[in-house]
Amino acid sequence: MTDFTNNSQSEPRSTNAAKREYGAYFAIIFMACLPLALFTWILFTARNFRLPEKDPVQAAWSQAGIITPMIFNA
């Protein structure tokens, strides 16, 4: 009689590969958020005659840091 049992555990994804994938998504989202953050920063500066707390790069980095985990949790 043939034994169809499988004792091998399914191996989880490589941590290295997951980090690279997260980094790739983060970079894409960051580059997409950067023009909008720059535009928002310029509008805020023009309307209020003062600089916002975050510069455009910090704002885009923050948005990418919020959006990317949402993709990976879905």
C-alpha atoms as a PDB file:
ATOM      1  CA  MET A   1       0.000   0.000   0.000  1.00  0.00           C
ATOM      2  CA  THR A   2       1.251   3.497  -0.827  1.00  0.00           C
ATOM      3  CA  ASP A   3       1.906   5.983   1.935  1.00  0.00           C
ATOM      4  CA  PHE A   4       0.624   9.449   0.996  1.00  0.00           C
ATOM      5  CA  THR A   5       1.538  11.193   4.245  1.00  0.00           C
ATOM      6  CA  ASN A   6       3.862  14.116   4.072  1.00  0.00           C
ATOM      7  CA  ASN A   7       5.992  14.863   7.101  1.00  0.00           C
ATOM      8  CA  SER A   8       7.594  18.013   5.736  1.00  0.00           C
ATOM      9  CA  GLN A   9       6.376  21.311   7.126  1.00  0.00           C
ATOM     10  CA  SER A  10       5.531  24.070   4.714  1.00  0.00           C
ATOM     11  CA  GLU A  11       8.440  26.459   4.924  1.00  0.00           C
ATOM     12  CA  PRO A  12       7.625  30.094   5.639  1.00  0.00           C
ATOM     13  CA  ARG A  13       8.730  32.730   3.200  1.00  0.00           C
ATOM     14  CA  SER A  14      12.276  33.858   3.461  1.00  0.00           C
ATOM     15  CA  THR A  15      12.644  36.882   5.712  1.00  0.00           C
ATOM     16  CA  ASN A  16      15.139  38.350   3.272  1.00  0.00           C
ATOM     17  CA  ALA A  17      12.704  38.085   0.374  1.00  0.00           C
ATOM     18  CA  ALA A  18       9.904  39.631   2.440  1.00  0.00           C
ATOM     19  CA  LYS A  19      12.125  42.569   3.395  1.00  0.00           C
ATOM     20  CA  ARG A  20      13.089  43.144  -0.240  1.00  0.00           C
ATOM     21  CA  GLU A  21       9.456  43.027  -1.329  1.00  0.00           C
ATOM     22  CA  TYR A  22       8.446  45.450   1.438  1.00  0.00           C
ATOM     23  CA  GLY A  23      11.303  47.765   0.440  1.00  0.00           C
ATOM     24  CA  ALA A  24      10.282  47.672  -3.206  1.00  0.00           C
ATOM     25  CA  TYR A  25       6.663  48.528  -2.394  1.00  0.00           C
ATOM     26  CA  PHE A  26       7.807  51.241   0.020  1.00  0.00           C
ATOM     27  CA  ALA A  27      10.032  52.822  -2.638  1.00  0.00           C
ATOM     28  CA  ILE A  28       7.273  52.815  -5.252  1.00  0.00           C
ATOM     29  CA  ILE A  29       4.727  54.317  -2.862  1.00  0.00           C
ATOM     30  CA  PHE A  30       7.261  56.879  -1.600  1.00  0.00           C
ATOM     31  CA  MET A  31       8.005  58.010  -5.158  1.00  0.00           C
ATOM     32  CA  ALA A  32       4.273  58.280  -5.848  1.00  0.00           C
ATOM     33  CA  CYS A  33       3.654  60.319  -2.670  1.00  0.00           C
ATOM     34  CA  LEU A  34       6.571  62.695  -3.180  1.00  0.00           C
ATOM     35  CA  PRO A  35       5.041  64.926  -5.909  1.00  0.00           C
ATOM     36  CA  LEU A  36       1.770  65.240  -3.999  1.00  0.00           C
ATOM     37  CA  ALA A  37       3.620  66.058  -0.766  1.00  0.00           C
ATOM     38  CA  LEU A  38       5.661  68.702  -2.590  1.00  0.00           C
ATOM     39  CA  PHE A  39       2.528  70.214  -4.107  1.00  0.00           C
ATOM     40  CA  THR A  40       0.793  70.263  -0.705  1.00  0.00           C
ATOM     41  CA  TRP A  41       3.882  71.809   0.918  1.00  0.00           C
ATOM     42  CA  ILE A  42       3.976  74.591  -1.699  1.00  0.00           C
ATOM     43  CA  LEU A  43       0.260  75.337  -1.288  1.00  0.00           C
ATOM     44  CA  PHE A  44       0.533  75.423   2.495  1.00  0.00           C
ATOM     45  CA  THR A  45       3.525  77.765   2.322  1.00  0.00           C
ATOM     46  CA  ALA A  46       1.824  80.079  -0.182  1.00  0.00           C
ATOM     47  CA  ARG A  47      -1.418  80.292   1.809  1.00  0.00           C
ATOM     48  CA  ASN A  48      -0.014  80.620   5.329  1.00  0.00           C
ATOM     49  CA  PHE A  49       3.294  82.416   4.636  1.00  0.00           C
ATOM     50  CA  ARG A  50       5.134  79.964   6.874  1.00  0.00           C
ATOM     51  CA  LEU A  51       6.756  76.568   6.491  1.00  0.00           C
ATOM     52  CA  PRO A  52       4.939  73.422   7.630  1.00  0.00           C
ATOM     53  CA  GLU A  53       6.437  71.252  10.382  1.00  0.00           C
ATOM     54  CA  LYS A  54       7.403  68.498   7.927  1.00  0.00           C
ATOM     55  CA  ASP A  55       9.249  69.041   4.692  1.00  0.00           C
ATOM     56  CA  PRO A  56       7.941  67.244   1.560  1.00  0.00           C
ATOM     57  CA  VAL A  57      10.345  64.314   1.911  1.00  0.00           C
ATOM     58  CA  GLN A  58       9.350  63.708   5.535  1.00  0.00           C
ATOM     59  CA  ALA A  59       5.664  63.921   4.626  1.00  0.00           C
ATOM     60  CA  ALA A  60       6.044  61.466   1.725  1.00  0.00           C
ATOM     61  CA  TRP A  61       8.112  59.109   3.923  1.00  0.00           C
ATOM     62  CA  SER A  62       5.398  59.228   6.579  1.00  0.00           C
ATOM     63  CA  GLN A  63       2.638  58.495   4.070  1.00  0.00           C
ATOM     64  CA  ALA A  64       4.598  55.601   2.560  1.00  0.00           C
ATOM     65  CA  GLY A  65       5.144  54.282   6.079  1.00  0.00           C
ATOM     66  CA  ILE A  66       1.378  54.312   6.644  1.00  0.00           C
ATOM     67  CA  ILE A  67       0.277  52.913   3.270  1.00  0.00           C
ATOM     68  CA  THR A  68       2.815  50.107   2.779  1.00  0.00           C
ATOM     69  CA  PRO A  69       1.900  48.113   5.932  1.00  0.00           C
ATOM     70  CA  MET A  70      -1.763  48.393   4.936  1.00  0.00           C
ATOM     71  CA  ILE A  71      -0.955  46.545   1.713  1.00  0.00           C
ATOM     72  CA  PHE A  72       0.919  43.791   3.540  1.00  0.00           C
ATOM     73  CA  ASN A  73      -1.815  43.321   6.162  1.00  0.00           C
ATOM     74  CA  ALA A  74      -4.556  42.911   3.572  1.00  0.00           C
END
